[in-house]
């Protein structure tokens, strides 16, 4: 169990408490993430699984490799937000895994995340 919540985990908890999941987005867009994917040359093919929502698929990410310790090491890759969002097609949710659980960002919030990125992949909030 994590002694100190990660920034993303804390943001999800705060967003749930306020009943406004959009509050997690600024933290999410700045998060350094690891994704479960298959490397094919320079490209990553995101590994998708069934989402907790019955009609959805999801991609699994984490803020640390340790949170994905049960996943074979060759399937865990660092990824930036622009590349992650480019790899997500359709109504895929994002499952954020922690050593002691996880959170889910539903596909409905992905357009807002994309809007937070400038056309060159940088974050619009970067100075």
N, C-alpha and C. Protein backbone atom coordinates (compact mmCIF):
# COMPACT_ATOMS: atom_id res chain seq x y z
N UNK A 1 0.84 -1.18 0.00
CA UNK A 1 0.00 0.00 0.00
C UNK A 1 0.88 1.24 0.00
N UNK A 2 0.51 2.25 -0.78
CA UNK A 2 1.28 3.47 -0.87
C UNK A 2 1.13 4.29 0.40
N UNK A 3 2.26 4.76 0.94
CA UNK A 3 2.23 5.59 2.13
C UNK A 3 1.77 7.00 1.79
N UNK A 4 2.24 7.52 0.66
CA UNK A 4 1.89 8.87 0.22
C UNK A 4 1.22 8.76 -1.14
N UNK A 5 0.03 9.31 -1.30
CA UNK A 5 -0.63 9.24 -2.60
C UNK A 5 0.18 9.98 -3.67
N UNK A 6 0.18 9.43 -4.86
CA UNK A 6 0.81 10.11 -5.98
C UNK A 6 -0.02 11.34 -6.34
N UNK A 7 0.54 12.28 -7.10
CA UNK A 7 -0.25 13.46 -7.48
C UNK A 7 -1.54 13.10 -8.21
N UNK A 8 -1.48 12.12 -9.09
CA UNK A 8 -2.67 11.75 -9.84
C UNK A 8 -3.71 11.08 -8.95
N UNK A 9 -3.26 10.22 -8.05
CA UNK A 9 -4.19 9.56 -7.13
C UNK A 9 -4.86 10.59 -6.23
N UNK A 10 -4.09 11.55 -5.75
CA UNK A 10 -4.65 12.61 -4.90
C UNK A 10 -5.65 13.45 -5.69
N UNK A 11 -5.34 13.73 -6.95
CA UNK A 11 -6.24 14.53 -7.79
C UNK A 11 -7.56 13.79 -8.03
N UNK A 12 -7.49 12.48 -8.26
CA UNK A 12 -8.72 11.70 -8.43
C UNK A 12 -9.56 11.74 -7.15
N UNK A 13 -8.92 11.60 -6.00
CA UNK A 13 -9.65 11.63 -4.72
C UNK A 13 -10.33 12.99 -4.52
N UNK A 14 -9.61 14.06 -4.82
CA UNK A 14 -10.18 15.40 -4.68
C UNK A 14 -11.33 15.61 -5.66
N UNK A 15 -11.15 15.16 -6.90
CA UNK A 15 -12.20 15.31 -7.91
C UNK A 15 -13.46 14.53 -7.52
N UNK A 16 -13.28 13.33 -6.98
CA UNK A 16 -14.44 12.56 -6.51
C UNK A 16 -15.13 13.27 -5.36
N UNK A 17 -14.35 13.81 -4.43
CA UNK A 17 -14.92 14.50 -3.27
C UNK A 17 -15.74 15.72 -3.70
N UNK A 18 -15.30 16.39 -4.75
CA UNK A 18 -16.01 17.57 -5.25
C UNK A 18 -17.05 17.22 -6.31
N UNK A 19 -17.09 15.94 -6.68
CA UNK A 19 -18.02 15.46 -7.72
C UNK A 19 -17.83 16.20 -9.04
N UNK A 20 -16.56 16.43 -9.37
CA UNK A 20 -16.22 17.11 -10.62
C UNK A 20 -14.93 16.51 -11.16
N UNK A 21 -15.08 15.50 -12.01
CA UNK A 21 -13.91 14.79 -12.53
C UNK A 21 -13.05 15.65 -13.44
N UNK A 22 -13.56 16.78 -13.90
CA UNK A 22 -12.72 17.65 -14.73
C UNK A 22 -11.54 18.21 -13.94
N UNK A 23 -11.66 18.20 -12.61
CA UNK A 23 -10.56 18.72 -11.77
C UNK A 23 -9.31 17.85 -11.84
N UNK A 24 -9.44 16.61 -12.26
CA UNK A 24 -8.28 15.73 -12.37
C UNK A 24 -7.49 16.01 -13.65
N UNK A 25 -8.11 16.64 -14.63
CA UNK A 25 -7.49 16.79 -15.96
C UNK A 25 -6.19 17.59 -15.96
N UNK A 26 -6.08 18.74 -15.27
CA UNK A 26 -4.80 19.45 -15.29
C UNK A 26 -3.65 18.63 -14.71
N UNK A 27 -3.92 17.84 -13.70
CA UNK A 27 -2.88 16.97 -13.14
C UNK A 27 -2.58 15.83 -14.10
N UNK A 28 -3.63 15.27 -14.67
CA UNK A 28 -3.48 14.14 -15.60
C UNK A 28 -2.61 14.54 -16.80
N UNK A 29 -2.87 15.70 -17.38
CA UNK A 29 -2.15 16.11 -18.59
C UNK A 29 -0.67 16.34 -18.30
N UNK A 30 -0.30 16.63 -17.06
CA UNK A 30 1.10 16.85 -16.70
C UNK A 30 1.76 15.61 -16.09
N UNK A 31 1.05 14.53 -16.00
CA UNK A 31 1.59 13.32 -15.37
C UNK A 31 2.59 12.61 -16.28
N UNK A 32 3.62 12.08 -15.66
CA UNK A 32 4.56 11.19 -16.35
C UNK A 32 4.00 9.79 -16.18
N UNK A 33 3.73 9.13 -17.29
CA UNK A 33 3.03 7.85 -17.23
C UNK A 33 3.81 6.73 -17.88
N UNK A 34 3.44 5.53 -17.47
CA UNK A 34 3.90 4.30 -18.10
C UNK A 34 2.64 3.60 -18.60
N UNK A 35 2.74 2.98 -19.76
CA UNK A 35 1.60 2.35 -20.39
C UNK A 35 1.93 0.89 -20.69
N UNK A 36 0.89 0.07 -20.71
CA UNK A 36 1.04 -1.31 -21.14
C UNK A 36 0.83 -1.32 -22.65
N UNK A 37 1.88 -1.72 -23.38
CA UNK A 37 1.85 -1.68 -24.84
C UNK A 37 2.90 -2.62 -25.42
N UNK A 38 2.73 -2.92 -26.69
CA UNK A 38 3.71 -3.71 -27.43
C UNK A 38 4.49 -2.75 -28.31
N UNK A 39 5.82 -2.79 -28.21
CA UNK A 39 6.65 -1.94 -29.06
C UNK A 39 6.81 -2.60 -30.42
N UNK A 40 6.53 -1.82 -31.45
CA UNK A 40 6.72 -2.27 -32.83
C UNK A 40 7.57 -1.21 -33.51
N UNK A 41 8.88 -1.40 -33.47
CA UNK A 41 9.80 -0.36 -33.97
C UNK A 41 9.71 0.83 -33.05
N UNK A 42 9.47 2.00 -33.66
CA UNK A 42 9.33 3.23 -32.88
C UNK A 42 7.91 3.46 -32.39
N UNK A 43 7.00 2.62 -32.80
CA UNK A 43 5.59 2.77 -32.45
C UNK A 43 5.21 1.90 -31.26
N UNK A 44 4.21 2.33 -30.53
CA UNK A 44 3.65 1.54 -29.44
C UNK A 44 2.21 1.18 -29.81
N UNK A 45 1.90 -0.09 -29.74
CA UNK A 45 0.53 -0.55 -29.92
C UNK A 45 -0.04 -0.75 -28.52
N UNK A 46 -0.94 0.14 -28.13
CA UNK A 46 -1.51 0.08 -26.79
C UNK A 46 -2.25 -1.23 -26.58
N UNK A 47 -2.05 -1.81 -25.42
CA UNK A 47 -2.73 -3.05 -25.05
C UNK A 47 -4.07 -2.66 -24.45
N UNK A 48 -5.15 -3.13 -25.04
CA UNK A 48 -6.47 -2.78 -24.53
C UNK A 48 -7.13 -3.99 -23.88
N UNK A 49 -7.91 -3.71 -22.87
CA UNK A 49 -8.66 -4.74 -22.16
C UNK A 49 -10.08 -4.23 -21.95
N UNK A 50 -10.92 -5.09 -21.44
CA UNK A 50 -12.29 -4.66 -21.14
C UNK A 50 -12.27 -3.65 -20.00
N UNK A 51 -13.06 -2.61 -20.18
CA UNK A 51 -13.21 -1.59 -19.16
C UNK A 51 -14.22 -2.08 -18.13
N UNK A 52 -14.22 -1.50 -16.93
CA UNK A 52 -15.28 -1.82 -15.99
C UNK A 52 -16.67 -1.50 -16.56
N UNK A 53 -16.74 -0.56 -17.50
CA UNK A 53 -18.00 -0.29 -18.18
C UNK A 53 -18.18 -1.38 -19.23
N UNK A 54 -19.28 -2.05 -19.23
CA UNK A 54 -19.45 -3.22 -20.10
C UNK A 54 -19.33 -2.94 -21.60
N UNK A 55 -19.62 -1.73 -22.03
CA UNK A 55 -19.59 -1.42 -23.46
C UNK A 55 -18.29 -0.76 -23.90
N UNK A 56 -17.26 -0.80 -23.06
CA UNK A 56 -16.03 -0.06 -23.33
C UNK A 56 -14.80 -0.95 -23.24
N UNK A 57 -13.73 -0.43 -23.85
CA UNK A 57 -12.40 -1.00 -23.69
C UNK A 57 -11.58 0.04 -22.94
N UNK A 58 -10.43 -0.37 -22.42
CA UNK A 58 -9.58 0.60 -21.73
C UNK A 58 -8.11 0.28 -21.96
N UNK A 59 -7.30 1.28 -21.76
CA UNK A 59 -5.85 1.16 -21.79
C UNK A 59 -5.37 1.37 -20.36
N UNK A 60 -4.32 0.66 -19.96
CA UNK A 60 -3.82 0.74 -18.59
C UNK A 60 -2.54 1.56 -18.53
N UNK A 61 -2.53 2.53 -17.60
CA UNK A 61 -1.35 3.36 -17.36
C UNK A 61 -1.07 3.38 -15.87
N UNK A 62 0.12 3.87 -15.53
CA UNK A 62 0.50 4.06 -14.12
C UNK A 62 1.52 5.18 -14.05
N UNK A 63 1.66 5.75 -12.86
CA UNK A 63 2.65 6.80 -12.65
C UNK A 63 4.02 6.22 -12.36
N UNK A 64 4.10 4.92 -12.12
CA UNK A 64 5.39 4.29 -11.85
C UNK A 64 5.41 2.89 -12.43
N UNK A 65 6.61 2.42 -12.74
CA UNK A 65 6.76 1.03 -13.20
C UNK A 65 6.35 0.07 -12.09
N UNK A 66 6.61 0.45 -10.86
CA UNK A 66 6.29 -0.39 -9.71
C UNK A 66 4.81 -0.74 -9.67
N UNK A 67 3.96 0.20 -10.02
CA UNK A 67 2.52 -0.05 -10.01
C UNK A 67 2.13 -1.10 -11.05
N UNK A 68 2.98 -1.29 -12.06
CA UNK A 68 2.72 -2.29 -13.12
C UNK A 68 3.65 -3.49 -12.96
N UNK A 69 4.08 -3.77 -11.73
CA UNK A 69 5.05 -4.83 -11.48
C UNK A 69 4.56 -6.21 -11.92
N UNK A 70 3.27 -6.43 -11.97
CA UNK A 70 2.73 -7.73 -12.38
C UNK A 70 2.68 -7.88 -13.90
N UNK A 71 2.93 -6.81 -14.63
CA UNK A 71 2.93 -6.83 -16.09
C UNK A 71 4.35 -7.15 -16.55
N UNK A 72 4.51 -8.04 -17.53
CA UNK A 72 5.86 -8.32 -18.03
C UNK A 72 6.59 -7.02 -18.40
N UNK A 73 7.82 -6.91 -17.96
CA UNK A 73 8.61 -5.68 -18.10
C UNK A 73 8.68 -5.18 -19.55
N UNK A 74 8.75 -6.10 -20.52
CA UNK A 74 8.88 -5.68 -21.92
C UNK A 74 7.59 -5.04 -22.46
N UNK A 75 6.51 -5.10 -21.70
CA UNK A 75 5.24 -4.49 -22.12
C UNK A 75 4.98 -3.14 -21.44
N UNK A 76 5.91 -2.69 -20.59
CA UNK A 76 5.73 -1.43 -19.86
C UNK A 76 6.65 -0.37 -20.46
N UNK A 77 6.05 0.73 -20.94
CA UNK A 77 6.80 1.77 -21.64
C UNK A 77 6.43 3.14 -21.11
N UNK A 78 7.43 4.01 -20.97
CA UNK A 78 7.15 5.41 -20.66
C UNK A 78 6.44 6.02 -21.86
N UNK A 79 5.49 6.91 -21.58
CA UNK A 79 4.72 7.52 -22.67
C UNK A 79 4.34 8.94 -22.29
N UNK A 80 4.37 9.83 -23.27
CA UNK A 80 3.90 11.20 -22.99
C UNK A 80 2.42 11.29 -23.34
N UNK A 81 1.80 12.34 -22.87
CA UNK A 81 0.34 12.47 -23.01
C UNK A 81 -0.10 12.54 -24.47
N UNK A 82 0.64 13.28 -25.29
CA UNK A 82 0.26 13.39 -26.70
C UNK A 82 0.27 12.03 -27.38
N UNK A 83 1.30 11.25 -27.13
CA UNK A 83 1.41 9.92 -27.74
C UNK A 83 0.32 8.98 -27.22
N UNK A 84 0.04 9.08 -25.93
CA UNK A 84 -1.03 8.26 -25.36
C UNK A 84 -2.36 8.59 -26.02
N UNK A 85 -2.68 9.86 -26.09
CA UNK A 85 -3.97 10.26 -26.66
C UNK A 85 -4.06 9.93 -28.14
N UNK A 86 -2.93 10.02 -28.84
CA UNK A 86 -2.92 9.66 -30.26
C UNK A 86 -3.21 8.17 -30.45
N UNK A 87 -2.77 7.36 -29.50
CA UNK A 87 -2.97 5.91 -29.60
C UNK A 87 -4.35 5.43 -29.20
N UNK A 88 -5.10 6.28 -28.53
CA UNK A 88 -6.44 5.90 -28.09
C UNK A 88 -7.44 6.24 -29.19
N UNK A 89 -8.13 5.22 -29.64
CA UNK A 89 -9.14 5.43 -30.68
C UNK A 89 -10.51 5.05 -30.12
N UNK A 90 -11.50 5.73 -30.56
CA UNK A 90 -12.85 5.41 -30.10
C UNK A 90 -13.07 5.77 -28.66
N UNK A 91 -14.04 5.12 -28.07
CA UNK A 91 -14.46 5.39 -26.70
C UNK A 91 -13.72 4.48 -25.72
N UNK A 92 -12.41 4.66 -25.63
CA UNK A 92 -11.61 3.89 -24.69
C UNK A 92 -11.45 4.69 -23.40
N UNK A 93 -11.60 4.00 -22.28
CA UNK A 93 -11.32 4.60 -20.99
C UNK A 93 -9.84 4.43 -20.69
N UNK A 94 -9.34 5.17 -19.71
CA UNK A 94 -7.96 5.02 -19.24
C UNK A 94 -8.01 4.55 -17.81
N UNK A 95 -7.45 3.36 -17.56
CA UNK A 95 -7.36 2.82 -16.20
C UNK A 95 -6.00 3.19 -15.64
N UNK A 96 -5.99 3.93 -14.53
CA UNK A 96 -4.76 4.32 -13.86
C UNK A 96 -4.54 3.36 -12.71
N UNK A 97 -3.46 2.59 -12.79
CA UNK A 97 -3.19 1.57 -11.79
C UNK A 97 -2.21 2.10 -10.75
N UNK A 98 -2.50 1.79 -9.49
CA UNK A 98 -1.62 2.09 -8.37
C UNK A 98 -1.27 0.76 -7.71
N UNK A 99 -0.23 0.73 -6.89
CA UNK A 99 0.08 -0.53 -6.21
C UNK A 99 -1.08 -1.06 -5.36
N UNK A 100 -1.96 -0.16 -4.92
CA UNK A 100 -3.06 -0.55 -4.03
C UNK A 100 -4.44 -0.30 -4.63
N UNK A 101 -4.54 -0.27 -5.95
CA UNK A 101 -5.85 -0.05 -6.56
C UNK A 101 -5.75 0.69 -7.87
N UNK A 102 -6.77 1.48 -8.17
CA UNK A 102 -6.74 2.22 -9.42
C UNK A 102 -7.91 3.17 -9.55
N UNK A 103 -7.84 3.99 -10.55
CA UNK A 103 -8.89 4.93 -10.91
C UNK A 103 -9.13 4.81 -12.40
N UNK A 104 -10.27 5.29 -12.84
CA UNK A 104 -10.58 5.25 -14.27
C UNK A 104 -10.98 6.63 -14.75
N UNK A 105 -10.40 7.02 -15.86
CA UNK A 105 -10.80 8.25 -16.53
C UNK A 105 -11.62 7.82 -17.74
N UNK A 106 -12.88 8.18 -17.73
CA UNK A 106 -13.77 7.74 -18.80
C UNK A 106 -13.51 8.49 -20.10
N UNK A 107 -13.82 7.85 -21.18
CA UNK A 107 -13.57 8.38 -22.53
C UNK A 107 -14.19 9.76 -22.74
N UNK A 108 -15.24 10.07 -22.04
CA UNK A 108 -15.90 11.37 -22.21
C UNK A 108 -14.97 12.54 -21.89
N UNK A 109 -13.92 12.31 -21.11
CA UNK A 109 -12.99 13.37 -20.74
C UNK A 109 -11.81 13.50 -21.69
N UNK A 110 -11.64 12.56 -22.62
CA UNK A 110 -10.50 12.60 -23.52
C UNK A 110 -10.49 13.84 -24.43
N UNK A 111 -11.63 14.29 -24.96
CA UNK A 111 -11.59 15.53 -25.75
C UNK A 111 -11.05 16.72 -24.95
N UNK A 112 -11.41 16.79 -23.68
CA UNK A 112 -10.90 17.88 -22.83
C UNK A 112 -9.39 17.77 -22.65
N UNK A 113 -8.88 16.56 -22.48
CA UNK A 113 -7.43 16.37 -22.37
C UNK A 113 -6.74 16.79 -23.67
N UNK A 114 -7.32 16.39 -24.80
CA UNK A 114 -6.74 16.76 -26.09
C UNK A 114 -6.73 18.28 -26.27
N UNK A 115 -7.79 18.94 -25.81
CA UNK A 115 -7.87 20.40 -25.90
C UNK A 115 -6.80 21.08 -25.05
N UNK A 116 -6.34 20.41 -24.00
CA UNK A 116 -5.33 20.98 -23.13
C UNK A 116 -3.93 20.92 -23.75
N UNK A 117 -3.78 20.16 -24.82
CA UNK A 117 -2.49 20.06 -25.51
C UNK A 117 -2.47 21.01 -26.70
N UNK A 118 -1.36 21.70 -26.88
CA UNK A 118 -1.20 22.54 -28.06
C UNK A 118 -0.99 21.63 -29.28
N UNK A 119 -1.13 22.17 -30.48
CA UNK A 119 -0.96 21.35 -31.69
C UNK A 119 0.39 20.64 -31.77
N UNK A 120 1.43 21.18 -31.15
CA UNK A 120 2.75 20.54 -31.22
C UNK A 120 2.97 19.51 -30.11
N UNK A 121 1.92 19.19 -29.34
CA UNK A 121 2.01 18.18 -28.30
C UNK A 121 2.41 18.72 -26.94
N UNK A 122 2.76 20.02 -26.86
CA UNK A 122 3.09 20.59 -25.56
C UNK A 122 1.80 20.92 -24.84
N UNK A 123 1.89 21.14 -23.57
CA UNK A 123 0.69 21.47 -22.80
C UNK A 123 0.42 22.97 -22.95
N UNK A 124 -0.83 23.31 -23.20
CA UNK A 124 -1.18 24.72 -23.39
C UNK A 124 -0.91 25.54 -22.14
N UNK A 125 -0.85 24.89 -20.99
CA UNK A 125 -0.61 25.61 -19.75
C UNK A 125 0.88 25.82 -19.50
N UNK A 126 1.76 25.23 -20.34
CA UNK A 126 3.20 25.44 -20.19
C UNK A 126 3.54 26.86 -20.61
N UNK A 127 4.47 27.47 -19.89
CA UNK A 127 4.86 28.84 -20.25
C UNK A 127 6.12 28.80 -21.10
